[in-house]
C-alpha atoms as a PDB file:
ATOM      1  CA  UNK A   1      30.006  55.951  -1.186  1.00  0.00           C
ATOM      2  CA  UNK A   2      30.534  57.496   2.219  1.00  0.00           C
ATOM      3  CA  UNK A   3      28.379  59.346   4.711  1.00  0.00           C
ATOM      4  CA  UNK A   4      28.326  63.128   4.573  1.00  0.00           C
ATOM      5  CA  UNK A   5      29.089  65.586   7.347  1.00  0.00           C
ATOM      6  CA  UNK A   6      26.145  67.044   9.229  1.00  0.00           C
ATOM      7  CA  UNK A   7      26.775  70.546  10.556  1.00  0.00           C
ATOM      8  CA  UNK A   8      25.886  70.730  14.222  1.00  0.00           C
ATOM      9  CA  UNK A   9      27.385  73.978  15.505  1.00  0.00           C
ATOM     10  CA  UNK A  10      25.388  77.116  14.931  1.00  0.00           C
ATOM     11  CA  UNK A  11      26.928  80.326  16.219  1.00  0.00           C
ATOM     12  CA  UNK A  12      24.261  82.923  16.855  1.00  0.00           C
ATOM     13  CA  UNK A  13      25.795  84.960  19.635  1.00  0.00           C
ATOM     14  CA  UNK A  14      27.371  88.367  19.073  1.00  0.00           C
ATOM     15  CA  UNK A  15      30.639  88.708  21.049  1.00  0.00           C
ATOM     16  CA  UNK A  16      31.221  92.236  19.786  1.00  0.00           C
ATOM     17  CA  UNK A  17      29.544  95.607  19.730  1.00  0.00           C
ATOM     18  CA  UNK A  18      28.529  98.015  16.987  1.00  0.00           C
ATOM     19  CA  UNK A  19      28.963 101.705  17.592  1.00  0.00           C
ATOM     20  CA  UNK A  20      25.851 103.799  17.607  1.00  0.00           C
ATOM     21  CA  UNK A  21      25.053 106.005  14.649  1.00  0.00           C
ATOM     22  CA  UNK A  22      24.572 105.308  10.969  1.00  0.00           C
ATOM     23  CA  UNK A  23      26.157 106.353   7.741  1.00  0.00           C
ATOM     24  CA  UNK A  24      24.178 108.426   5.300  1.00  0.00           C
ATOM     25  CA  UNK A  25      25.024 105.828   2.649  1.00  0.00           C
ATOM     26  CA  UNK A  26      24.619 102.052   2.895  1.00  0.00           C
ATOM     27  CA  UNK A  27      26.544 100.590   5.807  1.00  0.00           C
ATOM     28  CA  UNK A  28      26.909  96.817   6.072  1.00  0.00           C
ATOM     29  CA  UNK A  29      28.851  96.974   9.319  1.00  0.00           C
ATOM     30  CA  UNK A  30      25.785  97.198  11.531  1.00  0.00           C
ATOM     31  CA  UNK A  31      23.932  94.751  13.716  1.00  0.00           C
ATOM     32  CA  UNK A  32      20.735  94.562  11.639  1.00  0.00           C
ATOM     33  CA  UNK A  33      22.564  93.637   8.435  1.00  0.00           C
ATOM     34  CA  UNK A  34      24.771  91.211  10.363  1.00  0.00           C
ATOM     35  CA  UNK A  35      21.817  89.433  12.000  1.00  0.00           C
ATOM     36  CA  UNK A  36      19.968  89.222   8.680  1.00  0.00           C
ATOM     37  CA  UNK A  37      23.019  87.681   7.011  1.00  0.00           C
ATOM     38  CA  UNK A  38      23.539  85.207   9.832  1.00  0.00           C
ATOM     39  CA  UNK A  39      19.874  84.167   9.744  1.00  0.00           C
ATOM     40  CA  UNK A  40      20.182  83.459   6.030  1.00  0.00           C
ATOM     41  CA  UNK A  41      23.215  81.306   6.769  1.00  0.00           C
ATOM     42  CA  UNK A  42      21.327  79.450   9.514  1.00  0.00           C
ATOM     43  CA  UNK A  43      18.477  78.705   7.101  1.00  0.00           C
ATOM     44  CA  UNK A  44      20.877  77.227   4.548  1.00  0.00           C
ATOM     45  CA  UNK A  45      22.572  75.216   7.276  1.00  0.00           C
ATOM     46  CA  UNK A  46      19.259  73.726   8.467  1.00  0.00           C
ATOM     47  CA  UNK A  47      18.382  72.818   4.891  1.00  0.00           C
ATOM     48  CA  UNK A  48      21.753  71.130   4.417  1.00  0.00           C
ATOM     49  CA  UNK A  49      21.481  69.227   7.706  1.00  0.00           C
ATOM     50  CA  UNK A  50      18.082  67.843   6.744  1.00  0.00           C
ATOM     51  CA  UNK A  51      19.307  66.761   3.304  1.00  0.00           C
ATOM     52  CA  UNK A  52      22.486  65.245   4.785  1.00  0.00           C
ATOM     53  CA  UNK A  53      20.543  63.249   7.373  1.00  0.00           C
ATOM     54  CA  UNK A  54      18.155  61.934   4.709  1.00  0.00           C
ATOM     55  CA  UNK A  55      21.096  60.944   2.532  1.00  0.00           C
ATOM     56  CA  UNK A  56      22.871  59.186   5.413  1.00  0.00           C
ATOM     57  CA  UNK A  57      19.713  57.253   6.312  1.00  0.00           C
ATOM     58  CA  UNK A  58      19.274  56.090   2.731  1.00  0.00           C
ATOM     59  CA  UNK A  59      22.945  55.179   2.486  1.00  0.00           C
ATOM     60  CA  UNK A  60      22.656  53.125   5.684  1.00  0.00           C
ATOM     61  CA  UNK A  61      19.638  51.271   4.250  1.00  0.00           C
ATOM     62  CA  UNK A  62      21.448  50.810   0.934  1.00  0.00           C
ATOM     63  CA  UNK A  63      24.512  49.377   2.698  1.00  0.00           C
ATOM     64  CA  UNK A  64      22.407  46.876   4.640  1.00  0.00           C
ATOM     65  CA  UNK A  65      20.393  45.864   1.592  1.00  0.00           C
ATOM     66  CA  UNK A  66      22.440  46.133  -1.633  1.00  0.00           C
ATOM     67  CA  UNK A  67      20.567  46.652  -4.882  1.00  0.00           C
ATOM     68  CA  UNK A  68      19.720  43.551  -6.899  1.00  0.00           C
ATOM     69  CA  UNK A  69      21.996  44.409  -9.807  1.00  0.00           C
ATOM     70  CA  UNK A  70      24.912  44.821  -7.403  1.00  0.00           C
ATOM     71  CA  UNK A  71      24.715  41.259  -6.117  1.00  0.00           C
ATOM     72  CA  UNK A  72      23.460  39.371  -9.170  1.00  0.00           C
ATOM     73  CA  UNK A  73      24.929  38.949 -12.659  1.00  0.00           C
ATOM     74  CA  UNK A  74      22.738  40.169 -15.515  1.00  0.00           C
ATOM     75  CA  UNK A  75      22.341  36.648 -16.993  1.00  0.00           C
ATOM     76  CA  UNK A  76      21.193  35.361 -13.610  1.00  0.00           C
ATOM     77  CA  UNK A  77      18.729  38.215 -13.374  1.00  0.00           C
ATOM     78  CA  UNK A  78      17.349  37.312 -16.803  1.00  0.00           C
ATOM     79  CA  UNK A  79      16.834  33.721 -15.642  1.00  0.00           C
ATOM     80  CA  UNK A  80      14.827  34.985 -12.646  1.00  0.00           C
ATOM     81  CA  UNK A  81      11.994  35.820 -15.080  1.00  0.00           C
ATOM     82  CA  UNK A  82      11.444  32.163 -15.931  1.00  0.00           C
ATOM     83  CA  UNK A  83       8.216  30.520 -14.687  1.00  0.00           C
ATOM     84  CA  UNK A  84      10.280  28.564 -12.166  1.00  0.00           C
ATOM     85  CA  UNK A  85      10.779  31.811 -10.215  1.00  0.00           C
ATOM     86  CA  UNK A  86       7.315  33.235 -10.764  1.00  0.00           C
ATOM     87  CA  UNK A  87       6.854  33.705  -7.014  1.00  0.00           C
ATOM     88  CA  UNK A  88       9.491  36.460  -6.924  1.00  0.00           C
ATOM     89  CA  UNK A  89       8.226  38.336 -10.002  1.00  0.00           C
ATOM     90  CA  UNK A  90       6.028  40.664  -7.904  1.00  0.00           C
ATOM     91  CA  UNK A  91       9.072  41.526  -5.773  1.00  0.00           C
ATOM     92  CA  UNK A  92      11.090  42.330  -8.885  1.00  0.00           C
ATOM     93  CA  UNK A  93       8.315  44.586 -10.151  1.00  0.00           C
ATOM     94  CA  UNK A  94       8.098  46.287  -6.768  1.00  0.00           C
ATOM     95  CA  UNK A  95      11.857  46.851  -6.838  1.00  0.00           C
ATOM     96  CA  UNK A  96      11.517  48.562 -10.219  1.00  0.00           C
ATOM     97  CA  UNK A  97       8.901  50.941  -8.805  1.00  0.00           C
ATOM     98  CA  UNK A  98      10.972  51.541  -5.661  1.00  0.00           C
ATOM     99  CA  UNK A  99      14.134  52.253  -7.660  1.00  0.00           C
ATOM    100  CA  UNK A 100      12.262  54.636  -9.970  1.00  0.00           C
ATOM    101  CA  UNK A 101      10.850  56.560  -6.995  1.00  0.00           C
ATOM    102  CA  UNK A 102      14.213  56.777  -5.224  1.00  0.00           C
ATOM    103  CA  UNK A 103      15.953  57.947  -8.375  1.00  0.00           C
ATOM    104  CA  UNK A 104      13.439  60.750  -8.826  1.00  0.00           C
ATOM    105  CA  UNK A 105      13.660  61.765  -5.159  1.00  0.00           C
ATOM    106  CA  UNK A 106      17.445  62.138  -5.212  1.00  0.00           C
ATOM    107  CA  UNK A 107      17.367  63.855  -8.578  1.00  0.00           C
ATOM    108  CA  UNK A 108      14.864  66.355  -7.152  1.00  0.00           C
ATOM    109  CA  UNK A 109      16.865  67.138  -3.998  1.00  0.00           C
ATOM    110  CA  UNK A 110      20.048  67.471  -6.070  1.00  0.00           C
ATOM    111  CA  UNK A 111      18.306  70.063  -8.228  1.00  0.00           C
ATOM    112  CA  UNK A 112      17.082  71.869  -5.098  1.00  0.00           C
ATOM    113  CA  UNK A 113      20.713  72.099  -3.980  1.00  0.00           C
ATOM    114  CA  UNK A 114      21.316  74.463  -6.891  1.00  0.00           C
ATOM    115  CA  UNK A 115      19.262  77.125  -5.101  1.00  0.00           C
ATOM    116  CA  UNK A 116      21.199  76.583  -1.875  1.00  0.00           C
ATOM    117  CA  UNK A 117      24.454  77.005  -3.793  1.00  0.00           C
ATOM    118  CA  UNK A 118      23.240  80.295  -5.250  1.00  0.00           C
ATOM    119  CA  UNK A 119      22.051  81.492  -1.833  1.00  0.00           C
ATOM    120  CA  UNK A 120      25.408  80.713  -0.238  1.00  0.00           C
ATOM    121  CA  UNK A 121      27.298  82.398  -3.066  1.00  0.00           C
ATOM    122  CA  UNK A 122      25.190  85.473  -2.331  1.00  0.00           C
ATOM    123  CA  UNK A 123      25.995  85.152   1.380  1.00  0.00           C
ATOM    124  CA  UNK A 124      29.712  85.107   0.617  1.00  0.00           C
ATOM    125  CA  UNK A 125      29.252  88.452  -1.118  1.00  0.00           C
ATOM    126  CA  UNK A 126      27.342  89.822   1.881  1.00  0.00           C
ATOM    127  CA  UNK A 127      30.120  88.762   4.292  1.00  0.00           C
ATOM    128  CA  UNK A 128      32.695  90.362   1.989  1.00  0.00           C
ATOM    129  CA  UNK A 129      30.790  93.644   2.102  1.00  0.00           C
ATOM    130  CA  UNK A 130      30.454  93.449   5.888  1.00  0.00           C
ATOM    131  CA  UNK A 131      34.183  92.823   6.260  1.00  0.00           C
ATOM    132  CA  UNK A 132      35.047  95.671   3.909  1.00  0.00           C
ATOM    133  CA  UNK A 133      32.794  98.176   5.672  1.00  0.00           C
ATOM    134  CA  UNK A 134      33.958  97.130   9.153  1.00  0.00           C
ATOM    135  CA  UNK A 135      37.599  97.568   8.120  1.00  0.00           C
ATOM    136  CA  UNK A 136      36.801 101.005   6.669  1.00  0.00           C
ATOM    137  CA  UNK A 137      35.248 101.968  10.003  1.00  0.00           C
ATOM    138  CA  UNK A 138      38.214 100.461  11.909  1.00  0.00           C
ATOM    139  CA  UNK A 139      35.951  97.936  13.620  1.00  0.00           C
ATOM    140  CA  UNK A 140      38.626  95.283  13.260  1.00  0.00           C
ATOM    141  CA  UNK A 141      37.141  92.826  15.768  1.00  0.00           C
ATOM    142  CA  UNK A 142      33.859  92.815  13.852  1.00  0.00           C
ATOM    143  CA  UNK A 143      35.773  92.426  10.590  1.00  0.00           C
ATOM    144  CA  UNK A 144      37.596  89.367  11.985  1.00  0.00           C
ATOM    145  CA  UNK A 145      34.313  87.780  13.090  1.00  0.00           C
ATOM    146  CA  UNK A 146      32.998  88.453   9.598  1.00  0.00           C
ATOM    147  CA  UNK A 147      35.981  86.627   8.117  1.00  0.00           C
ATOM    148  CA  UNK A 148      35.285  83.656  10.394  1.00  0.00           C
ATOM    149  CA  UNK A 149      31.640  83.489   9.332  1.00  0.00           C
ATOM    150  CA  UNK A 150      32.610  83.902   5.698  1.00  0.00           C
ATOM    151  CA  UNK A 151      34.900  80.882   6.027  1.00  0.00           C
ATOM    152  CA  UNK A 152      32.065  78.875   7.607  1.00  0.00           C
ATOM    153  CA  UNK A 153      29.817  79.856   4.711  1.00  0.00           C
ATOM    154  CA  UNK A 154      32.469  78.774   2.215  1.00  0.00           C
ATOM    155  CA  UNK A 155      32.815  75.458   4.056  1.00  0.00           C
ATOM    156  CA  UNK A 156      29.051  74.896   3.989  1.00  0.00           C
ATOM    157  CA  UNK A 157      28.974  75.647   0.259  1.00  0.00           C
ATOM    158  CA  UNK A 158      31.670  73.007  -0.255  1.00  0.00           C
ATOM    159  CA  UNK A 159      29.657  70.501   1.814  1.00  0.00           C
ATOM    160  CA  UNK A 160      26.542  71.157  -0.253  1.00  0.00           C
ATOM    161  CA  UNK A 161      28.455  70.618  -3.495  1.00  0.00           C
ATOM    162  CA  UNK A 162      29.800  67.305  -2.214  1.00  0.00           C
ATOM    163  CA  UNK A 163      26.355  66.216  -1.007  1.00  0.00           C
ATOM    164  CA  UNK A 164      24.834  67.124  -4.361  1.00  0.00           C
ATOM    165  CA  UNK A 165      27.361  64.898  -6.154  1.00  0.00           C
ATOM    166  CA  UNK A 166      26.539  62.008  -3.835  1.00  0.00           C
ATOM    167  CA  UNK A 167      22.792  62.546  -4.323  1.00  0.00           C
ATOM    168  CA  UNK A 168      23.212  62.411  -8.101  1.00  0.00           C
ATOM    169  CA  UNK A 169      25.327  59.259  -7.749  1.00  0.00           C
ATOM    170  CA  UNK A 170      22.559  57.558  -5.758  1.00  0.00           C
ATOM    171  CA  UNK A 171      19.964  58.748  -8.252  1.00  0.00           C
ATOM    172  CA  UNK A 172      21.926  57.207 -11.117  1.00  0.00           C
ATOM    173  CA  UNK A 173      22.459  54.017  -9.130  1.00  0.00           C
ATOM    174  CA  UNK A 174      18.728  53.546  -8.554  1.00  0.00           C
ATOM    175  CA  UNK A 175      18.079  54.453 -12.182  1.00  0.00           C
ATOM    176  CA  UNK A 176      20.515  51.726 -13.198  1.00  0.00           C
ATOM    177  CA  UNK A 177      18.725  49.262 -10.915  1.00  0.00           C
ATOM    178  CA  UNK A 178      15.381  50.062 -12.530  1.00  0.00           C
ATOM    179  CA  UNK A 179      16.819  49.922 -16.048  1.00  0.00           C
ATOM    180  CA  UNK A 180      18.654  46.616 -15.615  1.00  0.00           C
ATOM    181  CA  UNK A 181      15.685  44.811 -14.068  1.00  0.00           C
ATOM    182  CA  UNK A 182      13.410  46.007 -16.854  1.00  0.00           C
ATOM    183  CA  UNK A 183      16.013  45.085 -19.477  1.00  0.00           C
ATOM    184  CA  UNK A 184      16.435  41.625 -17.955  1.00  0.00           C
ATOM    185  CA  UNK A 185      12.691  41.007 -18.301  1.00  0.00           C
ATOM    186  CA  UNK A 186      12.742  42.232 -21.889  1.00  0.00           C
ATOM    187  CA  UNK A 187      15.761  40.036 -22.642  1.00  0.00           C
ATOM    188  CA  UNK A 188      14.023  36.977 -21.191  1.00  0.00           C
ATOM    189  CA  UNK A 189      10.916  37.629 -23.326  1.00  0.00           C
ATOM    190  CA  UNK A 190      13.052  38.061 -26.448  1.00  0.00           C
ATOM    191  CA  UNK A 191      14.938  34.849 -25.729  1.00  0.00           C
ATOM    192  CA  UNK A 192      11.652  32.961 -25.311  1.00  0.00           C
ATOM    193  CA  UNK A 193      10.334  34.278 -28.633  1.00  0.00           C
ATOM    194  CA  UNK A 194      13.540  33.299 -30.428  1.00  0.00           C
ATOM    195  CA  UNK A 195      13.354  29.846 -28.845  1.00  0.00           C
ATOM    196  CA  UNK A 196       9.777  29.348 -30.019  1.00  0.00           C
ATOM    197  CA  UNK A 197      10.682  30.475 -33.525  1.00  0.00           C
ATOM    198  CA  UNK A 198      13.568  28.034 -33.651  1.00  0.00           C
ATOM    199  CA  UNK A 199      11.326  25.213 -32.451  1.00  0.00           C
ATOM    200  CA  UNK A 200       8.518  26.085 -34.854  1.00  0.00           C
ATOM    201  CA  UNK A 201      10.067  27.761 -37.899  1.00  0.00           C
ATOM    202  CA  UNK A 202       7.645  29.428 -40.281  1.00  0.00           C
ATOM    203  CA  UNK A 203       6.857  27.335 -43.350  1.00  0.00           C
ATOM    204  CA  UNK A 204       7.262  28.757 -46.867  1.00  0.00           C
END
């Protein structure tokens, strides 16, 4: 897994001018509609930046401290549940709880990304309308700026989709950690019961 891009550049200036006057019908090529659209974009960008930074921090921690199932064979993990290693049993149980919590956290933020994807899809439509109306009014400079912002919105939508995939991957990885540790404990208990039965078979 790799780190994700954090958007740093927010363009909130307006290097163009809108002519005075208003159409009788809806007109998207005006400053109020433009500012509203740009503020919506900025909100989505802040949300993405926060999620990306959280993901990168977790990935950094994960890289420094690999999950147990990534550095230990399943049979070795089963053996860790023997009385000889009783001292580490609390740590194994804590790791199960930690992995469960992390899996749920990343599953939750990945689901929240669905709303951001819908919001950005809506923003793409807004930029398209702005561009169309500015071209109709021969405000070609404004239309070009609209195209630039539309491309930034499309790029952010792509980033969010990639981040969502990585969040789901981490969620599944922590879920696997939790599942394998719990299964190793269950396997050890089953092996012990089979061993006792073989040592003390039931009499007819």
